[in-house]
Every structure is written in C-alpha cells, then in structure tokens.
Amino acid sequence: MLRVVRHELPGQQEYPGGAFPLTYLCESKDAGLSDAMAWVRQNPGARVAEANAHGAVLFRGFPIRSAEDFDLAVSAFDLPYFAYDDSLSNAVRVNYSERVFSANEAPPEATINLHHEMAQTPLYPSRLFFYCQKPAEVGGATSICRSDALWERLLAEAPTFATACQEKGLRYRHTMPEIEDPDSGMGRSWKSTFSVSSRAEASQRMLELGYTGEWLDDGCLRVTSPALPAVRPLGAGRTAFFNQLIAAFTGWRDSRNRPEASILHGDGSPLDVAGAELAASLGEQLSFDIAWEPGDIVLIDNFVTMHGRRTFEGTRSVLASFTA
C-alpha cells in the first residue's frame, strides 16, 4: 500500500478552491508501478475533480520512470484520450505512443507563453497530463496560471477590453510551413495539422472547420481561424479567460509570423494593445512555476488553467498526454 500525503510546495498559491497546484507526495520509496496505478484506480474521479477545483494536481515521488510507465499511469485514470494526430495544434511534437508525445519541440531558448492548449482552434482537449522524464540543468519550469483568477483581475482593471473579448470572441492568424519546422514553437506543417497530403485536401478541411486560407509562393499556408470564444463559463460562479491571446500576442514570432498580426477580435476589429498587454502582465503576475523533478506528473484542467514553458539550458524531456 502506497503512503501518499498532501504536500506543500515553496511559494504555492492559495485560492478559494484550495492550493494551486494541489500536490500529492508518494513517501513509499520501495513502491512499484503497479502500486501507483492501484492508488490512482482507487478514485480517479476524485483526482479529476480536484484538477477542476484547484486548477492542477501535481504527483511527486511516484515510481514513474519511462514513457511507457507514463502511458500506463495515464490509462489508469480511464479517460478518453485526445490524439495529437487528430488535433490542430501548431506545435511540432514527437510521438512515443498513440497516447504519449513530447510536450513541445521548440528550441530551449524559446519561451512558450501562457495558453490554454489548442484554444486557438475549434478542437481542444479538456485535460492535460505532463510527465518529467528529465528536468533541464537550468530553467525549463512549466508555468501555470489560474485563468479564472486572471479573468477576475482583467474584468476589474480593463472592463472595456474584457467585455469586448467576451462579446466578440477572437480570431487567430498564422502561417504554416509546408514542411515541419522544429526551430519554431509553431512550426507544424499544414499537411500534418490538417492530416492531408495535398492543397485540395487542405482547402476542403479548412472549409469544414470554418477556416480561411491563402497559399503563398513558398508553399506555406496563411490561415485565419473562425471566430472563437475568448471566455468560458466554468459553473459555480467561475469564468475562465479561455483563449490563446497571451501566447499569440506575445510569442507567435518566427520566420513566417509576427505577433502583432496573429490575433484580432471575432468581428475583424483589432485588439486594444493596452488591454492585451495587461492580460499578458496579469498572467505573469499570477503564474506559478513548476520546477520539475524526475518522475513528476501534473494533471491540468485545460479549461481552468493556462500553462507555458520557461527557457532552459541543457537537455530537458517532458512528455504529454491529453484527454478529450
């Protein structure tokens, strides 16, 4: 039987729902993978509910030592998985199994700014699992931010901008390469993104999803999403600033893309720059950095909590698995 206790992290935040992130520490040093899976299977629904209430749950000290172990641990939650190949994610990833893939292949000097996973698309997962196989020598923390807390601050400090986001929604623009670009945090090709092999198939897929696109001379595809909600009701009086605004406005920059051209309101009107800058500043103020230890797993409710990645030095291996 595993001995698992609640654990407090340095600088851990507190909200009405409780600690952020809620942390469980396994104190049984001789535990095996089967013990860990049995512990999860005792009440996986409670852990999922805790992720919703707290925003994120960190599992530390559990005997998870490989991508295969991580795959089995996630399966113990008995949640329908959300396959990367079926997503419209613009990140380049490496698949380890049908359920497990790399978190992001962006180079270490690139900051991945706060975002709700795939909120720039009409298809997004509800929960995210991340697993630390190897922490970076320096840096590489995963930053997390309660989106409901950010929304409350934004609504209080920039009500006109917040209301415009809520009423108009957002559209996202970016240029996809024809061939994967691993040097970019948003370098997934249009062929992989839309699961197609030709321009005609891509055009049909965009039509089905409500996207518009423009083919460029170099084979790239410049796309604009349909108008998507920027705010999501969570129930029980909570509301989330559920979108990709901070990441797009501050970080969608590579050889093909500029942040200032990457996002606009759903009706085509430009964002108020001061409001967008405030949202990004609030996200940074409210962030908590998960300083990874080997074997850590974190469960994030994608509707409640944004996440990002700090720059790092050395080698870092963090894997991901998403659920529908």
Protein backbone atom coordinates (compact mmCIF):
# COMPACT_ATOMS: atom_id res chain seq x y z
CA MET A 1 0.00 0.00 0.00
CA LEU A 2 1.40 3.37 -1.01
CA ARG A 3 1.82 6.07 1.58
CA VAL A 4 0.66 9.25 -0.17
CA VAL A 5 0.33 12.59 1.61
CA ARG A 6 -0.66 16.13 0.70
CA HIS A 7 2.45 18.23 0.17
CA GLU A 8 3.10 21.97 0.18
CA LEU A 9 5.41 23.47 -2.42
CA PRO A 10 7.51 26.59 -1.84
CA GLY A 11 5.54 29.61 -2.97
CA GLN A 12 2.42 27.56 -3.55
CA GLN A 13 -0.63 29.75 -4.24
CA GLU A 14 -3.97 29.64 -2.45
CA TYR A 15 -7.39 30.29 -3.99
CA PRO A 16 -10.94 29.72 -2.73
CA GLY A 17 -10.78 26.23 -4.28
CA GLY A 18 -7.61 25.44 -2.33
CA ALA A 19 -3.90 25.11 -3.06
CA PHE A 20 -2.57 25.74 -6.56
CA PRO A 21 -1.28 23.34 -7.57
CA LEU A 22 -2.63 20.69 -5.23
CA THR A 23 0.30 18.32 -4.63
CA TYR A 24 0.45 14.66 -3.65
CA LEU A 25 3.77 13.22 -2.46
CA CYS A 26 4.44 9.48 -2.50
CA GLU A 27 6.56 8.63 0.55
CA SER A 28 6.84 4.90 -0.22
CA LYS A 29 10.37 4.57 -1.58
CA ASP A 30 10.03 0.90 -2.49
CA ALA A 31 6.76 1.27 -4.42
CA GLY A 32 6.37 -0.16 -7.90
CA LEU A 33 4.41 0.98 -10.93
CA SER A 34 1.55 -1.43 -10.16
CA ASP A 35 1.21 0.17 -6.70
CA ALA A 36 0.97 3.63 -8.25
CA MET A 37 -1.67 2.51 -10.74
CA ALA A 38 -3.66 0.82 -7.98
CA TRP A 39 -3.61 4.07 -5.99
CA VAL A 40 -4.94 6.04 -8.96
CA ARG A 41 -7.63 3.45 -9.67
CA GLN A 42 -8.97 3.72 -6.11
CA ASN A 43 -10.68 7.01 -7.06
CA PRO A 44 -9.58 8.57 -10.35
CA GLY A 45 -12.74 10.69 -10.47
CA ALA A 46 -11.66 12.46 -7.28
CA ARG A 47 -8.31 13.44 -8.83
CA VAL A 48 -10.07 14.78 -11.93
CA ALA A 49 -12.49 16.75 -9.76
CA GLU A 50 -9.54 18.14 -7.79
CA ALA A 51 -7.92 19.31 -11.01
CA ASN A 52 -11.10 21.22 -11.82
CA ALA A 53 -11.39 22.74 -8.33
CA HIS A 54 -7.70 23.53 -7.85
CA GLY A 55 -6.68 24.04 -11.47
CA ALA A 56 -3.85 21.50 -11.38
CA VAL A 57 -2.70 18.45 -9.41
CA LEU A 58 0.99 17.54 -9.13
CA PHE A 59 2.01 13.94 -8.33
CA ARG A 60 5.57 13.79 -6.98
CA GLY A 61 7.72 10.85 -5.86
CA PHE A 62 5.68 8.20 -7.66
CA PRO A 63 7.56 5.35 -9.43
CA ILE A 64 7.12 6.63 -13.00
CA ARG A 65 10.41 6.15 -14.84
CA SER A 66 9.71 5.97 -18.57
CA ALA A 67 7.35 6.99 -21.35
CA GLU A 68 5.80 3.52 -21.10
CA ASP A 69 5.19 3.98 -17.36
CA PHE A 70 3.63 7.37 -18.06
CA ASP A 71 1.33 5.85 -20.68
CA LEU A 72 0.16 3.23 -18.17
CA ALA A 73 -0.28 5.81 -15.41
CA VAL A 74 -2.48 8.00 -17.62
CA SER A 75 -4.51 4.97 -18.69
CA ALA A 76 -5.30 4.29 -15.01
CA PHE A 77 -7.44 7.45 -14.99
CA ASP A 78 -9.70 5.78 -17.58
CA LEU A 79 -10.28 8.98 -19.57
CA PRO A 80 -10.81 9.12 -23.36
CA TYR A 81 -7.54 10.25 -24.91
CA PHE A 82 -7.14 13.16 -27.31
CA ALA A 83 -4.69 12.17 -30.04
CA TYR A 84 -2.11 14.71 -31.22
CA ASP A 85 -2.50 13.50 -34.82
CA ASP A 86 -6.21 14.39 -34.70
CA SER A 87 -5.58 17.87 -33.30
CA LEU A 88 -5.00 21.22 -34.98
CA SER A 89 -2.08 22.05 -32.67
CA ASN A 90 0.57 24.23 -34.32
CA ALA A 91 3.38 22.73 -32.20
CA VAL A 92 5.86 20.20 -33.55
CA ARG A 93 5.84 17.07 -31.37
CA VAL A 94 7.34 13.58 -31.36
CA ASN A 95 5.01 10.65 -30.72
CA TYR A 96 6.15 7.98 -28.25
CA SER A 97 2.88 6.03 -28.40
CA GLU A 98 -0.68 6.65 -29.54
CA ARG A 99 -1.32 8.36 -26.20
CA VAL A 100 2.06 9.94 -25.35
CA PHE A 101 4.10 12.59 -27.20
CA SER A 102 6.69 15.26 -26.47
CA ALA A 103 5.38 18.43 -24.85
CA ASN A 104 6.88 20.74 -27.50
CA GLU A 105 9.96 20.51 -29.68
CA ALA A 106 10.64 24.28 -29.65
CA PRO A 107 14.32 25.10 -29.01
CA PRO A 108 15.40 25.76 -25.41
CA GLU A 109 15.92 29.50 -25.91
CA ALA A 110 12.25 29.91 -26.91
CA THR A 111 9.74 30.85 -24.22
CA ILE A 112 6.37 29.21 -24.68
CA ASN A 113 3.95 31.81 -23.38
CA LEU A 114 0.84 31.09 -21.34
CA HIS A 115 -2.03 29.49 -23.23
CA HIS A 116 -4.94 27.11 -22.96
CA GLU A 117 -3.99 24.09 -25.04
CA MET A 118 -5.30 24.44 -28.61
CA ALA A 119 -7.76 27.22 -27.66
CA GLN A 120 -6.82 28.87 -30.98
CA THR A 121 -8.70 26.04 -32.71
CA PRO A 122 -12.24 24.64 -32.53
CA LEU A 123 -10.82 21.31 -31.30
CA TYR A 124 -9.16 21.20 -27.87
CA PRO A 125 -8.58 18.74 -25.03
CA SER A 126 -10.24 19.11 -21.65
CA ARG A 127 -7.35 17.77 -19.51
CA LEU A 128 -3.59 17.65 -19.90
CA PHE A 129 -1.03 15.32 -18.34
CA PHE A 130 2.65 16.27 -18.35
CA TYR A 131 5.46 13.97 -17.21
CA CYS A 132 9.04 14.92 -16.44
CA GLN A 133 11.41 12.28 -17.72
CA LYS A 134 14.43 14.56 -17.31
CA PRO A 135 14.47 18.13 -15.93
CA ALA A 136 16.71 20.72 -17.57
CA GLU A 137 20.04 21.51 -15.99
CA VAL A 138 18.95 25.16 -15.70
CA GLY A 139 15.43 26.58 -16.06
CA GLY A 140 12.74 24.76 -18.03
CA ALA A 141 9.94 25.16 -15.49
CA THR A 142 6.36 24.78 -16.66
CA SER A 143 4.48 27.91 -15.69
CA ILE A 144 0.79 27.59 -14.80
CA CYS A 145 -1.82 30.28 -14.21
CA ARG A 146 -5.40 30.13 -12.97
CA SER A 147 -7.41 31.58 -15.84
CA ASP A 148 -10.43 32.30 -13.66
CA ALA A 149 -8.27 34.45 -11.37
CA LEU A 150 -6.85 36.28 -14.38
CA TRP A 151 -10.35 36.93 -15.73
CA GLU A 152 -11.46 38.49 -12.44
CA ARG A 153 -8.45 40.83 -12.46
CA LEU A 154 -8.85 41.71 -16.15
CA LEU A 155 -12.55 42.43 -15.77
CA ALA A 156 -11.84 44.70 -12.80
CA GLU A 157 -8.86 46.53 -14.34
CA ALA A 158 -9.81 46.70 -18.04
CA PRO A 159 -13.59 46.16 -18.21
CA THR A 160 -13.99 47.55 -21.74
CA PHE A 161 -11.33 45.25 -23.17
CA ALA A 162 -12.56 42.25 -21.17
CA THR A 163 -16.13 42.81 -22.34
CA ALA A 164 -15.00 43.15 -25.97
CA CYS A 165 -13.22 39.79 -25.72
CA GLN A 166 -16.28 38.21 -24.15
CA GLU A 167 -18.76 39.60 -26.67
CA LYS A 168 -16.74 39.47 -29.89
CA GLY A 169 -14.51 36.45 -29.36
CA LEU A 170 -11.17 36.11 -31.15
CA ARG A 171 -9.71 35.04 -34.48
CA TYR A 172 -6.17 33.74 -34.91
CA ARG A 173 -3.90 34.06 -37.93
CA HIS A 174 -0.66 32.24 -38.59
CA THR A 175 1.37 30.90 -41.46
CA MET A 176 2.02 27.17 -41.59
CA PRO A 177 5.07 25.77 -43.39
CA GLU A 178 4.78 23.04 -45.98
CA ILE A 179 7.49 21.06 -44.15
CA GLU A 180 7.82 20.78 -40.36
CA ASP A 181 9.97 23.49 -38.78
CA PRO A 182 11.39 22.15 -35.47
CA ASP A 183 13.10 25.51 -34.79
CA SER A 184 9.72 27.15 -34.19
CA GLY A 185 7.25 26.64 -31.35
CA MET A 186 4.55 26.82 -34.01
CA GLY A 187 6.30 25.01 -36.83
CA ARG A 188 3.87 22.19 -37.55
CA SER A 189 3.23 21.85 -41.28
CA TRP A 190 -0.17 22.39 -42.86
CA LYS A 191 -0.07 18.80 -44.10
CA SER A 192 0.33 17.46 -40.56
CA THR A 193 -2.05 19.99 -38.99
CA PHE A 194 -4.94 19.16 -41.28
CA SER A 195 -3.94 15.48 -41.79
CA VAL A 196 -3.80 15.92 -45.57
CA SER A 197 -1.31 15.42 -48.39
CA SER A 198 -2.46 17.98 -50.96
CA ARG A 199 -3.63 21.59 -51.23
CA ALA A 200 -7.05 20.47 -52.38
CA GLU A 201 -7.49 18.29 -49.30
CA ALA A 202 -6.29 21.12 -47.06
CA SER A 203 -8.76 23.54 -48.65
CA GLN A 204 -11.61 21.10 -48.08
CA ARG A 205 -10.59 20.54 -44.46
CA MET A 206 -10.43 24.29 -43.83
CA LEU A 207 -13.89 24.69 -45.33
CA GLU A 208 -15.25 22.03 -42.97
CA LEU A 209 -13.67 23.75 -39.94
CA GLY A 210 -14.62 27.32 -40.87
CA TYR A 211 -11.05 28.46 -41.64
CA THR A 212 -10.00 30.71 -44.49
CA GLY A 213 -6.58 30.44 -46.10
CA GLU A 214 -4.13 31.92 -48.60
CA TRP A 215 -1.50 29.89 -50.41
CA LEU A 216 1.92 31.55 -50.56
CA ASP A 217 4.56 31.21 -53.25
CA ASP A 218 6.93 29.27 -50.97
CA GLY A 219 4.34 26.54 -50.31
CA CYS A 220 3.27 27.92 -46.93
CA LEU A 221 -0.37 28.39 -45.99
CA ARG A 222 -1.58 31.52 -44.19
CA VAL A 223 -4.75 30.65 -42.26
CA THR A 224 -7.35 32.54 -40.26
CA SER A 225 -9.50 30.68 -37.75
CA PRO A 226 -13.23 31.13 -37.39
CA ALA A 227 -14.35 33.42 -34.58
CA LEU A 228 -13.79 31.50 -31.35
CA PRO A 229 -14.94 32.24 -27.79
CA ALA A 230 -12.43 34.08 -25.59
CA VAL A 231 -14.24 33.47 -22.30
CA ARG A 232 -15.64 30.21 -20.93
CA PRO A 233 -18.16 29.73 -18.08
CA LEU A 234 -16.91 27.13 -15.59
CA GLY A 235 -20.00 26.89 -13.41
CA ALA A 236 -20.37 27.67 -9.71
CA GLY A 237 -19.81 31.36 -10.42
CA ARG A 238 -16.40 30.88 -12.07
CA THR A 239 -15.40 32.16 -15.51
CA ALA A 240 -12.17 31.48 -17.40
CA PHE A 241 -10.27 33.68 -19.85
CA PHE A 242 -10.12 30.68 -22.18
CA ASN A 243 -8.15 31.57 -25.29
CA GLN A 244 -4.71 31.80 -26.87
CA LEU A 245 -4.46 35.59 -26.61
CA ILE A 246 -1.35 35.87 -24.43
CA ALA A 247 0.66 33.33 -26.42
CA ALA A 248 -0.35 34.74 -29.80
CA PHE A 249 0.02 38.40 -28.85
CA THR A 250 3.39 38.00 -27.12
CA GLY A 251 5.01 34.96 -28.67
CA TRP A 252 3.85 33.93 -32.12
CA ARG A 253 7.07 35.02 -33.81
CA ASP A 254 9.22 33.05 -36.21
CA SER A 255 10.46 33.43 -39.78
CA ARG A 256 6.85 33.37 -41.06
CA ASN A 257 4.84 35.03 -38.28
CA ARG A 258 4.62 38.28 -36.30
CA PRO A 259 2.65 38.51 -33.03
CA GLU A 260 1.05 41.83 -33.94
CA ALA A 261 -0.61 40.22 -36.96
CA SER A 262 -1.61 36.99 -35.25
CA ILE A 263 -4.80 37.87 -33.39
CA LEU A 264 -7.89 40.06 -33.74
CA HIS A 265 -11.43 40.16 -32.44
CA GLY A 266 -14.00 37.82 -33.91
CA ASP A 267 -15.62 40.64 -35.89
CA GLY A 268 -12.29 41.53 -37.51
CA SER A 269 -11.57 44.59 -35.36
CA PRO A 270 -8.07 44.98 -33.87
CA LEU A 271 -7.31 44.28 -30.23
CA ASP A 272 -6.73 47.12 -27.84
CA VAL A 273 -2.97 46.87 -27.35
CA ALA A 274 -3.03 48.16 -23.77
CA GLY A 275 -5.68 45.59 -22.84
CA ALA A 276 -3.74 42.73 -24.41
CA GLU A 277 -0.55 43.87 -22.68
CA LEU A 278 -2.39 43.98 -19.36
CA ALA A 279 -3.67 40.42 -19.86
CA ALA A 280 -0.09 39.25 -20.51
CA SER A 281 1.20 41.15 -17.47
CA LEU A 282 -1.50 39.68 -15.23
CA GLY A 283 -0.68 36.20 -16.48
CA GLU A 284 2.93 36.67 -15.46
CA GLN A 285 1.95 38.08 -12.06
CA LEU A 286 -0.37 35.15 -11.35
CA SER A 287 1.91 32.38 -12.64
CA PHE A 288 3.36 29.59 -10.53
CA ASP A 289 6.40 27.79 -11.91
CA ILE A 290 6.56 24.02 -11.54
CA ALA A 291 10.25 23.27 -11.01
CA TRP A 292 10.34 19.74 -12.36
CA GLU A 293 11.77 16.72 -10.57
CA PRO A 294 12.29 13.36 -12.32
CA GLY A 295 9.09 11.30 -12.35
CA ASP A 296 6.73 14.24 -11.70
CA ILE A 297 3.31 14.10 -13.32
CA VAL A 298 0.95 17.06 -13.36
CA LEU A 299 -2.73 16.89 -14.29
CA ILE A 300 -4.07 20.23 -15.58
CA ASP A 301 -7.69 21.11 -16.22
CA ASN A 302 -7.33 22.85 -19.59
CA PHE A 303 -10.48 24.90 -19.08
CA VAL A 304 -9.31 26.33 -15.74
CA THR A 305 -5.55 26.70 -16.09
CA MET A 306 -3.15 28.10 -18.67
CA HIS A 307 0.38 26.79 -19.00
CA GLY A 308 3.66 27.75 -20.63
CA ARG A 309 7.36 26.87 -20.64
CA ARG A 310 10.36 28.82 -19.41
CA THR A 311 13.62 28.85 -21.36
CA PHE A 312 16.27 26.36 -20.29
CA GLU A 313 19.82 25.14 -20.67
CA GLY A 314 20.90 21.57 -21.24
CA THR A 315 18.65 18.64 -22.06
CA ARG A 316 15.01 18.57 -20.97
CA SER A 317 12.48 15.80 -21.58
CA VAL A 318 8.85 16.49 -20.67
CA LEU A 319 6.17 14.31 -22.25
CA ALA A 320 2.46 14.96 -22.62
CA SER A 321 -0.83 13.14 -22.93
CA PHE A 322 -4.19 14.83 -23.48
CA THR A 323 -7.76 13.67 -22.86
CA ALA A 324 -10.98 14.61 -24.57
